[in-house]
Amino acid sequence: MLEFKIIKLNINQSYFFGEVEFRTDKYKVNIQNERRGKVLRLPFQIESKSEKIIVRVSGPQGVLFVEDYLPYKGESEWLEIDSNEIAFYLADHQDQLDTIEIMYE
């Protein structure tokens, strides 16, 4: 499992843009609807046995969360998440979420 700490996440028209921290590295994050279909891209390569990966965005102690199964589409400069479920949930709970978890085999 990969765990990204949300440093900041701002809404810009129809998408969210911000910064996350993974271990000691900081990356930009972009979360938007499924305009190009469901997509997960990471700022580094991973090897996954699964076609789809669980992406969960949660609040402190995991009390509040939303998750979706997304196809891994490779490496990008940013953490990119295209999911209607996650984007729409963030619109109502943006300030209550602090972690993005990527769960894969």
C-alpha atoms as a PDB file:
ATOM      1  CA  MET A   1       0.000   0.000   0.000  1.00  0.00           C
ATOM      2  CA  LEU A   2       1.154   3.506  -0.818  1.00  0.00           C
ATOM      3  CA  GLU A   3       0.085   6.332   1.475  1.00  0.00           C
ATOM      4  CA  PHE A   4       0.180   9.965   0.385  1.00  0.00           C
ATOM      5  CA  LYS A   5      -0.416  12.719   2.956  1.00  0.00           C
ATOM      6  CA  ILE A   6      -2.468  15.594   1.567  1.00  0.00           C
ATOM      7  CA  ILE A   7      -0.626  18.862   2.196  1.00  0.00           C
ATOM      8  CA  LYS A   8      -3.086  21.059   0.298  1.00  0.00           C
ATOM      9  CA  LEU A   9      -5.982  20.488  -2.077  1.00  0.00           C
ATOM     10  CA  ASN A  10      -7.784  23.381  -3.763  1.00  0.00           C
ATOM     11  CA  ILE A  11     -10.799  23.356  -6.036  1.00  0.00           C
ATOM     12  CA  ASN A  12     -10.377  24.959  -9.481  1.00  0.00           C
ATOM     13  CA  GLN A  13     -13.595  25.021 -11.523  1.00  0.00           C
ATOM     14  CA  SER A  14     -14.208  21.285 -12.125  1.00  0.00           C
ATOM     15  CA  TYR A  15     -11.053  19.717 -10.663  1.00  0.00           C
ATOM     16  CA  PHE A  16      -8.865  19.645  -7.550  1.00  0.00           C
ATOM     17  CA  PHE A  17      -5.190  20.559  -7.593  1.00  0.00           C
ATOM     18  CA  GLY A  18      -2.715  20.453  -4.743  1.00  0.00           C
ATOM     19  CA  GLU A  19       0.286  18.836  -3.170  1.00  0.00           C
ATOM     20  CA  VAL A  20       0.871  15.495  -1.450  1.00  0.00           C
ATOM     21  CA  GLU A  21       3.790  13.979   0.409  1.00  0.00           C
ATOM     22  CA  PHE A  22       4.985  10.389   0.015  1.00  0.00           C
ATOM     23  CA  ARG A  23       7.673   9.485   2.523  1.00  0.00           C
ATOM     24  CA  THR A  24       9.807  12.647   2.269  1.00  0.00           C
ATOM     25  CA  ASP A  25       9.061  13.483  -1.386  1.00  0.00           C
ATOM     26  CA  LYS A  26       6.452  16.036  -2.428  1.00  0.00           C
ATOM     27  CA  TYR A  27       4.352  15.696  -5.574  1.00  0.00           C
ATOM     28  CA  LYS A  28       1.578  17.643  -7.245  1.00  0.00           C
ATOM     29  CA  VAL A  29      -1.840  15.981  -7.303  1.00  0.00           C
ATOM     30  CA  ASN A  30      -4.712  16.444  -9.743  1.00  0.00           C
ATOM     31  CA  ILE A  31      -8.150  14.921  -9.081  1.00  0.00           C
ATOM     32  CA  GLN A  32     -10.912  15.353 -11.631  1.00  0.00           C
ATOM     33  CA  ASN A  33     -13.997  13.696 -13.085  1.00  0.00           C
ATOM     34  CA  GLU A  34     -13.889  10.905 -15.655  1.00  0.00           C
ATOM     35  CA  ARG A  35     -13.734  13.143 -18.705  1.00  0.00           C
ATOM     36  CA  ARG A  36     -11.098  10.798 -20.217  1.00  0.00           C
ATOM     37  CA  GLY A  37     -12.417   7.738 -18.381  1.00  0.00           C
ATOM     38  CA  LYS A  38     -11.228   6.350 -15.041  1.00  0.00           C
ATOM     39  CA  VAL A  39      -7.477   6.881 -14.659  1.00  0.00           C
ATOM     40  CA  LEU A  40      -4.764   6.462 -12.042  1.00  0.00           C
ATOM     41  CA  ARG A  41      -1.253   7.685 -12.784  1.00  0.00           C
ATOM     42  CA  LEU A  42       1.536   7.796 -10.208  1.00  0.00           C
ATOM     43  CA  PRO A  43       4.711   9.892 -10.046  1.00  0.00           C
ATOM     44  CA  PHE A  44       6.717   6.646 -10.107  1.00  0.00           C
ATOM     45  CA  GLN A  45       6.358   3.172 -11.623  1.00  0.00           C
ATOM     46  CA  ILE A  46       4.723   0.288  -9.738  1.00  0.00           C
ATOM     47  CA  GLU A  47       4.247  -3.384 -10.594  1.00  0.00           C
ATOM     48  CA  SER A  48       0.657  -4.490 -10.045  1.00  0.00           C
ATOM     49  CA  LYS A  49      -0.887  -7.915 -10.603  1.00  0.00           C
ATOM     50  CA  SER A  50      -4.368  -6.360 -10.662  1.00  0.00           C
ATOM     51  CA  GLU A  51      -5.940  -4.561 -13.595  1.00  0.00           C
ATOM     52  CA  LYS A  52      -7.681  -2.133 -11.272  1.00  0.00           C
ATOM     53  CA  ILE A  53      -6.283  -0.577  -8.106  1.00  0.00           C
ATOM     54  CA  ILE A  54      -8.219   0.650  -5.075  1.00  0.00           C
ATOM     55  CA  VAL A  55      -7.772   4.364  -4.490  1.00  0.00           C
ATOM     56  CA  ARG A  56      -9.095   5.605  -1.148  1.00  0.00           C
ATOM     57  CA  VAL A  57      -9.198   9.196   0.079  1.00  0.00           C
ATOM     58  CA  SER A  58      -9.800   9.368   3.818  1.00  0.00           C
ATOM     59  CA  GLY A  59      -9.935  11.644   6.825  1.00  0.00           C
ATOM     60  CA  PRO A  60      -8.244  11.341  10.210  1.00  0.00           C
ATOM     61  CA  GLN A  61      -8.392   7.773  11.575  1.00  0.00           C
ATOM     62  CA  GLY A  62     -10.213   6.709   8.385  1.00  0.00           C
ATOM     63  CA  VAL A  63     -13.572   7.799   9.807  1.00  0.00           C
ATOM     64  CA  LEU A  64     -14.618   9.541   6.593  1.00  0.00           C
ATOM     65  CA  PHE A  65     -13.582   8.079   3.220  1.00  0.00           C
ATOM     66  CA  VAL A  66     -14.392   7.499  -0.427  1.00  0.00           C
ATOM     67  CA  GLU A  67     -12.842   4.886  -2.686  1.00  0.00           C
ATOM     68  CA  ASP A  68     -12.931   3.723  -6.274  1.00  0.00           C
ATOM     69  CA  TYR A  69     -11.320   1.015  -8.407  1.00  0.00           C
ATOM     70  CA  LEU A  70      -9.163   2.677 -11.062  1.00  0.00           C
ATOM     71  CA  PRO A  71      -7.056   1.261 -13.883  1.00  0.00           C
ATOM     72  CA  TYR A  72      -3.353   2.021 -13.482  1.00  0.00           C
ATOM     73  CA  LYS A  73      -2.216   3.923 -16.578  1.00  0.00           C
ATOM     74  CA  GLY A  74       1.468   4.277 -15.809  1.00  0.00           C
ATOM     75  CA  GLU A  75       3.813   6.989 -14.689  1.00  0.00           C
ATOM     76  CA  SER A  76       3.281  10.751 -14.727  1.00  0.00           C
ATOM     77  CA  GLU A  77       4.978  13.771 -13.161  1.00  0.00           C
ATOM     78  CA  TRP A  78       1.979  14.084 -10.810  1.00  0.00           C
ATOM     79  CA  LEU A  79      -0.406  11.871  -8.886  1.00  0.00           C
ATOM     80  CA  GLU A  80      -3.414  11.869 -11.240  1.00  0.00           C
ATOM     81  CA  ILE A  81      -6.818  10.512 -10.226  1.00  0.00           C
ATOM     82  CA  ASP A  82      -9.772  10.664 -12.630  1.00  0.00           C
ATOM     83  CA  SER A  83     -12.858   9.373 -10.807  1.00  0.00           C
ATOM     84  CA  ASN A  84     -16.389  10.743 -10.607  1.00  0.00           C
ATOM     85  CA  GLU A  85     -16.923   9.164  -7.188  1.00  0.00           C
ATOM     86  CA  ILE A  86     -13.793  10.693  -5.668  1.00  0.00           C
ATOM     87  CA  ALA A  87     -14.106  14.110  -7.364  1.00  0.00           C
ATOM     88  CA  PHE A  88     -17.780  14.537  -6.399  1.00  0.00           C
ATOM     89  CA  TYR A  89     -17.133  13.422  -2.809  1.00  0.00           C
ATOM     90  CA  LEU A  90     -14.237  15.876  -2.509  1.00  0.00           C
ATOM     91  CA  ALA A  91     -16.539  18.697  -3.584  1.00  0.00           C
ATOM     92  CA  ASP A  92     -18.479  18.237  -0.336  1.00  0.00           C
ATOM     93  CA  HIS A  93     -15.716  17.058   2.038  1.00  0.00           C
ATOM     94  CA  GLN A  94     -12.481  18.604   0.744  1.00  0.00           C
ATOM     95  CA  ASP A  95     -11.315  20.054   4.083  1.00  0.00           C
ATOM     96  CA  GLN A  96     -12.073  16.848   6.018  1.00  0.00           C
ATOM     97  CA  LEU A  97      -9.717  14.521   4.094  1.00  0.00           C
ATOM     98  CA  ASP A  98      -5.987  14.131   4.744  1.00  0.00           C
ATOM     99  CA  THR A  99      -4.762  10.893   3.119  1.00  0.00           C
ATOM    100  CA  ILE A 100      -4.746   9.188  -0.284  1.00  0.00           C
ATOM    101  CA  GLU A 101      -4.127   5.441  -0.172  1.00  0.00           C
ATOM    102  CA  ILE A 102      -3.251   3.322  -3.203  1.00  0.00           C
ATOM    103  CA  MET A 103      -3.857  -0.389  -2.525  1.00  0.00           C
ATOM    104  CA  TYR A 104      -2.592  -2.986  -4.983  1.00  0.00           C
ATOM    105  CA  GLU A 105      -1.123  -6.480  -5.199  1.00  0.00           C
END
